[in-house]
Protein backbone atom coordinates (compact mmCIF):
# COMPACT_ATOMS: atom_id res chain seq x y z
CA UNK A 1 0.00 0.00 0.00
CA UNK A 2 1.23 3.50 -0.82
CA UNK A 3 2.36 5.80 1.98
CA UNK A 4 0.98 8.80 0.11
CA UNK A 5 -2.00 10.67 1.45
CA UNK A 6 -5.17 10.33 -0.57
CA UNK A 7 -7.34 12.77 -2.51
CA UNK A 8 -10.96 12.29 -3.53
CA UNK A 9 -12.70 14.86 -5.68
CA UNK A 10 -14.92 14.86 -8.72
CA UNK A 11 -17.80 16.22 -10.72
CA UNK A 12 -21.57 15.94 -11.00
CA UNK A 13 -22.32 14.49 -14.40
CA UNK A 14 -24.75 17.13 -15.62
CA UNK A 15 -22.81 18.27 -18.68
CA UNK A 16 -19.33 19.33 -19.72
CA UNK A 17 -16.97 21.09 -17.31
CA UNK A 18 -16.24 24.82 -17.38
CA UNK A 19 -13.68 27.37 -16.25
CA UNK A 20 -15.22 27.53 -12.77
CA UNK A 21 -14.52 23.82 -12.34
CA UNK A 22 -10.95 24.39 -13.49
CA UNK A 23 -9.98 27.08 -10.98
CA UNK A 24 -12.11 25.54 -8.23
CA UNK A 25 -10.74 22.01 -8.34
CA UNK A 26 -9.32 20.68 -11.63
CA UNK A 27 -6.17 22.76 -11.40
CA UNK A 28 -5.38 21.39 -7.94
CA UNK A 29 -6.09 17.83 -9.06
CA UNK A 30 -3.45 18.07 -11.77
CA UNK A 31 -0.89 19.70 -9.46
CA UNK A 32 -1.35 17.15 -6.69
CA UNK A 33 -1.62 13.88 -8.64
CA UNK A 34 2.13 13.23 -8.29
CA UNK A 35 2.22 13.66 -4.52
CA UNK A 36 -1.15 12.14 -3.55
CA UNK A 37 -3.06 9.00 -4.40
CA UNK A 38 -5.78 10.58 -6.51
CA UNK A 39 -9.37 9.38 -6.92
CA UNK A 40 -11.70 11.26 -9.30
CA UNK A 41 -15.40 10.47 -9.02
CA UNK A 42 -17.92 10.96 -11.82
CA UNK A 43 -20.98 11.45 -9.61
CA UNK A 44 -23.79 10.23 -11.85
CA UNK A 45 -26.02 9.12 -8.98
CA UNK A 46 -25.79 12.63 -7.56
CA UNK A 47 -27.03 14.01 -10.87
CA UNK A 48 -30.38 12.27 -10.41
CA UNK A 49 -31.01 14.45 -7.34
CA UNK A 50 -31.86 17.38 -9.61
CA UNK A 51 -35.41 17.61 -11.04
CA UNK A 52 -33.97 18.76 -14.37
CA UNK A 53 -32.03 15.53 -14.85
CA UNK A 54 -34.05 12.83 -13.08
CA UNK A 55 -36.03 12.31 -16.30
CA UNK A 56 -32.98 12.58 -18.53
CA UNK A 57 -30.74 9.56 -17.92
CA UNK A 58 -29.16 9.81 -21.38
CA UNK A 59 -27.69 13.24 -20.58
CA UNK A 60 -26.29 11.91 -17.30
CA UNK A 61 -24.86 8.84 -19.03
CA UNK A 62 -23.22 10.94 -21.76
CA UNK A 63 -21.93 13.41 -19.18
CA UNK A 64 -19.91 10.67 -17.47
CA UNK A 65 -17.90 10.39 -20.68
CA UNK A 66 -17.76 14.15 -21.25
CA UNK A 67 -16.50 14.86 -17.73
CA UNK A 68 -13.95 12.06 -18.00
CA UNK A 69 -12.57 13.59 -21.21
CA UNK A 70 -12.45 17.03 -19.59
CA UNK A 71 -10.44 15.66 -16.66
CA UNK A 72 -8.03 13.93 -19.01
CA UNK A 73 -7.80 16.99 -21.26
CA UNK A 74 -6.62 19.31 -18.47
CA UNK A 75 -3.83 16.91 -17.55
CA UNK A 76 -5.08 14.13 -15.27
CA UNK A 77 -2.90 11.12 -15.98
CA UNK A 78 -4.83 7.81 -15.81
CA UNK A 79 -1.60 6.10 -14.70
CA UNK A 80 -1.58 8.35 -11.62
CA UNK A 81 -5.25 9.17 -11.05
CA UNK A 82 -8.07 6.68 -10.54
CA UNK A 83 -11.14 7.91 -12.43
CA UNK A 84 -14.35 6.06 -11.58
CA UNK A 85 -18.09 5.98 -12.06
CA UNK A 86 -20.06 6.49 -8.82
CA UNK A 87 -23.11 4.42 -9.78
CA UNK A 88 -20.93 1.35 -10.40
CA UNK A 89 -19.60 1.31 -6.81
CA UNK A 90 -22.55 -0.05 -4.85
CA UNK A 91 -20.59 0.05 -1.59
CA UNK A 92 -21.05 3.83 -1.65
CA UNK A 93 -24.82 3.40 -1.39
CA UNK A 94 -24.50 1.11 1.62
CA UNK A 95 -22.26 3.61 3.37
CA UNK A 96 -24.69 6.43 2.58
CA UNK A 97 -27.56 4.50 4.20
CA UNK A 98 -25.46 3.83 7.29
CA UNK A 99 -24.49 7.51 7.47
CA UNK A 100 -28.15 8.54 7.22
CA UNK A 101 -28.67 6.87 10.63
CA UNK A 102 -26.13 9.27 12.14
CA UNK A 103 -27.51 12.59 10.86
CA UNK A 104 -30.79 14.22 11.87
CA UNK A 105 -33.16 15.49 9.21
CA UNK A 106 -32.88 19.03 10.57
CA UNK A 107 -29.07 18.89 10.38
CA UNK A 108 -29.25 17.84 6.74
CA UNK A 109 -31.60 20.72 5.95
CA UNK A 110 -29.30 23.27 7.62
CA UNK A 111 -26.62 22.69 5.00
CA UNK A 112 -26.08 26.13 3.39
CA UNK A 113 -25.01 24.62 0.08
CA UNK A 114 -28.36 22.84 -0.22
CA UNK A 115 -30.17 26.09 0.54
CA UNK A 116 -28.13 27.86 -2.13
CA UNK A 117 -28.89 25.15 -4.69
CA UNK A 118 -32.62 25.36 -3.93
CA UNK A 119 -32.51 29.14 -4.39
CA UNK A 120 -30.27 29.29 -7.46
CA UNK A 121 -32.10 26.52 -9.31
CA UNK A 122 -35.55 27.80 -8.32
CA UNK A 123 -36.54 24.42 -6.87
CA UNK A 124 -39.05 25.78 -4.36
CA UNK A 125 -40.24 22.64 -2.58
CA UNK A 126 -39.84 20.48 -5.69
CA UNK A 127 -36.90 18.40 -4.56
CA UNK A 128 -36.52 14.76 -3.65
CA UNK A 129 -35.32 12.98 -0.55
CA UNK A 130 -32.29 12.15 -2.67
CA UNK A 131 -31.58 15.87 -2.90
CA UNK A 132 -31.73 16.24 0.89
CA UNK A 133 -29.48 13.20 1.22
CA UNK A 134 -27.04 14.65 -1.33
CA UNK A 135 -24.43 15.57 1.35
CA UNK A 136 -24.67 12.09 2.91
CA UNK A 137 -23.97 10.47 -0.44
CA UNK A 138 -21.08 12.89 -0.91
CA UNK A 139 -19.73 11.90 2.51
CA UNK A 140 -19.91 8.27 1.40
CA UNK A 141 -18.06 9.17 -1.82
CA UNK A 142 -15.25 10.71 0.22
CA UNK A 143 -15.06 8.16 3.01
CA UNK A 144 -15.38 5.08 0.78
CA UNK A 145 -11.68 5.56 0.03
CA UNK A 146 -10.89 7.26 3.36
CA UNK A 147 -9.60 10.40 1.66
CA UNK A 148 -7.35 12.86 3.48
CA UNK A 149 -7.95 15.87 1.23
CA UNK A 150 -10.80 16.99 -1.04
CA UNK A 151 -10.06 19.75 -3.58
CA UNK A 152 -13.36 21.64 -3.90
CA UNK A 153 -14.92 24.94 -4.72
CA UNK A 154 -15.67 27.18 -1.75
CA UNK A 155 -19.39 26.36 -1.97
CA UNK A 156 -18.64 22.70 -1.18
CA UNK A 157 -16.93 23.31 2.17
CA UNK A 158 -20.15 22.72 4.16
CA UNK A 159 -20.22 19.20 2.71
CA UNK A 160 -16.70 18.62 4.04
CA UNK A 161 -17.79 19.86 7.45
CA UNK A 162 -20.70 17.40 7.51
CA UNK A 163 -18.45 14.58 6.28
CA UNK A 164 -16.17 15.15 9.26
CA UNK A 165 -19.14 15.25 11.64
CA UNK A 166 -20.29 11.89 10.29
CA UNK A 167 -16.84 10.32 10.40
CA UNK A 168 -16.15 11.53 13.94
CA UNK A 169 -19.57 10.41 15.16
CA UNK A 170 -19.10 6.96 13.68
CA UNK A 171 -15.64 6.68 15.24
CA UNK A 172 -16.88 7.77 18.67
CA UNK A 173 -19.74 5.25 18.70
CA UNK A 174 -18.33 2.20 16.95
CA UNK A 175 -14.55 2.62 16.84
CA UNK A 176 -11.99 4.38 14.69
CA UNK A 177 -12.32 3.88 10.94
CA UNK A 178 -12.42 7.31 9.29
CA UNK A 179 -9.81 10.06 9.03
CA UNK A 180 -10.40 13.76 9.35
CA UNK A 181 -10.88 15.24 5.89
CA UNK A 182 -9.46 18.60 4.81
CA UNK A 183 -11.06 20.68 2.08
CA UNK A 184 -8.71 22.41 -0.35
CA UNK A 185 -10.14 25.45 -2.15
CA UNK A 186 -8.66 26.53 -5.49
CA UNK A 187 -6.81 29.81 -6.11
CA UNK A 188 -10.10 31.39 -7.25
CA UNK A 189 -12.62 30.57 -4.54
CA UNK A 190 -15.66 31.11 -6.74
CA UNK A 191 -15.53 32.23 -10.37
CA UNK A 192 -18.32 34.62 -11.31
CA UNK A 193 -20.50 33.87 -14.29
CA UNK A 194 -20.06 35.74 -17.58
CA UNK A 195 -23.42 37.40 -16.79
CA UNK A 196 -22.03 38.86 -13.56
CA UNK A 197 -23.83 36.32 -11.38
CA UNK A 198 -21.89 35.41 -8.25
CA UNK A 199 -21.25 31.89 -9.53
CA UNK A 200 -20.56 30.27 -12.88
CA UNK A 201 -23.03 27.41 -13.16
CA UNK A 202 -24.55 25.31 -15.92
CA UNK A 203 -28.06 25.87 -14.65
CA UNK A 204 -27.77 29.63 -15.31
CA UNK A 205 -26.16 29.16 -18.72
CA UNK A 206 -23.39 31.62 -17.81
CA UNK A 207 -20.36 29.40 -18.43
CA UNK A 208 -17.34 29.19 -20.66
CA UNK A 209 -16.73 25.48 -21.15
CA UNK A 210 -13.33 23.85 -21.42
CA UNK A 211 -14.48 22.38 -24.72
CA UNK A 212 -15.84 25.62 -26.23
CA UNK A 213 -14.59 26.48 -29.72
CA UNK A 214 -12.66 29.66 -30.46
CA UNK A 215 -15.82 31.17 -31.91
CA UNK A 216 -17.89 30.28 -28.84
CA UNK A 217 -15.30 31.73 -26.48
CA UNK A 218 -15.09 34.96 -28.46
CA UNK A 219 -18.88 35.35 -28.59
CA UNK A 220 -19.20 34.78 -24.85
CA UNK A 221 -16.33 37.07 -23.90
CA UNK A 222 -17.53 39.93 -26.11
CA UNK A 223 -20.95 39.65 -24.46
CA UNK A 224 -19.65 39.64 -20.89
CA UNK A 225 -20.89 42.06 -18.26
CA UNK A 226 -18.47 44.79 -17.23
CA UNK A 227 -19.06 47.97 -15.21
CA UNK A 228 -22.80 48.77 -15.61
CA UNK A 229 -22.22 52.42 -14.72
CA UNK A 230 -19.71 52.98 -17.51
CA UNK A 231 -21.52 54.40 -20.56
CA UNK A 232 -18.62 55.63 -22.72
CA UNK A 233 -15.03 54.38 -23.16
CA UNK A 234 -13.84 57.72 -21.80
CA UNK A 235 -15.72 57.22 -18.52
CA UNK A 236 -13.53 56.07 -15.60
CA UNK A 237 -14.45 52.44 -14.93
CA UNK A 238 -14.51 50.14 -11.92
CA UNK A 239 -12.06 47.23 -11.91
CA UNK A 240 -12.90 45.63 -8.55
CA UNK A 241 -15.76 43.17 -9.00
CA UNK A 242 -15.72 43.63 -12.77
CA UNK A 243 -16.15 40.13 -14.31
CA UNK A 244 -13.83 40.84 -17.25
CA UNK A 245 -10.96 41.78 -14.94
CA UNK A 246 -11.70 38.87 -12.61
CA UNK A 247 -11.13 36.60 -15.62
CA UNK A 248 -8.01 38.51 -16.64
CA UNK A 249 -6.57 37.97 -13.16
CA UNK A 250 -7.46 34.28 -13.26
CA UNK A 251 -6.38 33.35 -16.79
CA UNK A 252 -4.17 36.04 -18.36
CA UNK A 253 -0.52 35.22 -17.58
CA UNK A 254 0.64 38.61 -18.90
CA UNK A 255 0.61 40.45 -15.58
CA UNK A 256 2.00 43.67 -17.08
CA UNK A 257 -0.74 43.75 -19.71
CA UNK A 258 -3.43 43.25 -17.08
CA UNK A 259 -1.96 46.01 -14.88
CA UNK A 260 -1.88 48.39 -17.85
CA UNK A 261 -5.49 47.60 -18.80
CA UNK A 262 -6.64 48.18 -15.22
CA UNK A 263 -4.82 51.51 -15.02
CA UNK A 264 -6.22 52.79 -18.30
CA UNK A 265 -9.72 51.46 -17.51
CA UNK A 266 -9.91 53.39 -14.26
CA UNK A 267 -8.73 56.50 -16.10
CA UNK A 268 -11.18 56.19 -18.98
CA UNK A 269 -8.40 55.57 -21.50
CA UNK A 270 -9.44 52.16 -22.83
CA UNK A 271 -12.74 50.78 -24.08
CA UNK A 272 -14.47 47.54 -23.14
CA UNK A 273 -13.84 46.12 -26.62
CA UNK A 274 -10.06 46.18 -26.24
CA UNK A 275 -10.22 44.77 -22.72
CA UNK A 276 -12.46 41.94 -23.87
CA UNK A 277 -10.44 41.26 -27.02
CA UNK A 278 -7.31 40.74 -24.94
CA UNK A 279 -9.22 38.53 -22.53
CA UNK A 280 -10.45 36.42 -25.45
CA UNK A 281 -6.89 35.96 -26.68
CA UNK A 282 -5.68 34.94 -23.22
CA UNK A 283 -8.54 32.49 -22.72
CA UNK A 284 -8.15 31.01 -26.16
CA UNK A 285 -4.42 30.45 -25.58
CA UNK A 286 -5.26 28.78 -22.27
CA UNK A 287 -7.93 26.52 -23.79
CA UNK A 288 -6.12 25.58 -27.00
CA UNK A 289 -4.00 22.71 -25.59
CA UNK A 290 -7.00 21.47 -23.59
CA UNK A 291 -9.10 21.34 -26.77
CA UNK A 292 -6.35 19.49 -28.63
CA UNK A 293 -5.97 16.86 -25.92
CA UNK A 294 -9.73 16.47 -25.64
CA UNK A 295 -9.95 15.92 -29.40
CA UNK A 296 -7.63 12.93 -29.02
CA UNK A 297 -9.95 11.28 -26.49
CA UNK A 298 -13.02 12.12 -28.56
CA UNK A 299 -11.40 10.10 -31.35
CA UNK A 300 -10.51 7.23 -28.97
CA UNK A 301 -13.72 6.49 -26.99
CA UNK A 302 -12.65 2.91 -26.22
CA UNK A 303 -9.61 4.26 -24.40
CA UNK A 304 -11.87 6.49 -22.29
CA UNK A 305 -14.08 3.52 -21.38
CA UNK A 306 -11.05 1.40 -20.44
CA UNK A 307 -9.84 4.17 -18.12
CA UNK A 308 -13.25 4.28 -16.44
CA UNK A 309 -13.50 0.49 -16.10
CA UNK A 310 -10.05 0.19 -14.60
CA UNK A 311 -10.65 3.07 -12.18
CA UNK A 312 -14.05 1.80 -11.12
CA UNK A 313 -12.71 -1.69 -10.42
CA UNK A 314 -9.88 -0.25 -8.30
CA UNK A 315 -12.31 1.94 -6.33
CA UNK A 316 -14.67 -0.97 -5.66
CA UNK A 317 -11.79 -2.87 -4.06
CA UNK A 318 -10.98 0.08 -1.80
CA UNK A 319 -14.63 0.75 -0.92
CA UNK A 320 -15.35 -2.90 -0.20
CA UNK A 321 -12.51 -3.00 2.33
CA UNK A 322 -13.81 0.15 4.06
CA UNK A 323 -17.39 -1.15 4.12
CA UNK A 324 -16.25 -4.48 5.56
CA UNK A 325 -14.45 -2.64 8.38
CA UNK A 326 -17.55 -0.48 9.02
CA UNK A 327 -19.82 -3.53 9.26
CA UNK A 328 -17.40 -5.28 11.58
CA UNK A 329 -17.28 -2.26 13.90
CA UNK A 330 -21.10 -2.11 13.90
CA UNK A 331 -21.28 -5.79 14.87
CA UNK A 332 -23.41 -6.83 11.91
CA UNK A 333 -23.99 -10.56 11.64
CA UNK A 334 -21.91 -12.13 8.88
CA UNK A 335 -23.62 -14.96 6.99
């Protein structure tokens, strides 16, 4: 067994991945895959928690492949990272049921991330028990391989908190099995949407996807929100909180260019068109190698499926060992 610490992170399979996923988690996954045992989950069971997708299994099924290709395209190495399909690891479901015995209904409902999802997706009271149990299933995802670290977006930290509550409660009642889990937030805690919304999310259609073409990126960038109070290019503009400059800071490696644009923008000496044009160029340069690598996997679907099969088999072995230890601690009869 490796002496390395272990990472578990992943993606809901509700479509392709976007720039928010990259700065929130993908970037850290790639950086850490050499120094940690890395498990990447494609959370297709989680996807069924959303009313939009519960009647659309084909989109969820296809998204498993799309998200796998996105992970590979940004630099995850299948020889270093275990990429697996959540629904194929039944031990996760058993752990989630066990964990549900340790968490009150009111505690589950207090999760701020759930409240945010209900608000942002306009769910009202139209959500399933599976949606309420979403954090418990996520805890099972993490603890089925006894992860040490979970690279996540800032909005997912409440799930890490609940995971630790569950693990510590189990340990205190039945005996030590689970480690304390640390969340690791990316360098950009939460990337704003291109519409100025506080979060880039597929449900609001305000994303730039890792797989977007040059034309799509340009169209989206040129339509981005900037300073709403700036009417003319000669008006002094606001840089702080301006989505275009947030993206420049996150993705434009030319620090001097960004500093110059900010200075001239605040002085009313540069128009939005030039600022956006330079952002488009920076983003396109960033995405070009990702697109090229993704194109390889699009042309080799059997290779993608082999990566998933191998990763899922490896994860089932790990999860089965954890589940066996859990059942032994809980004194279940063995037949």
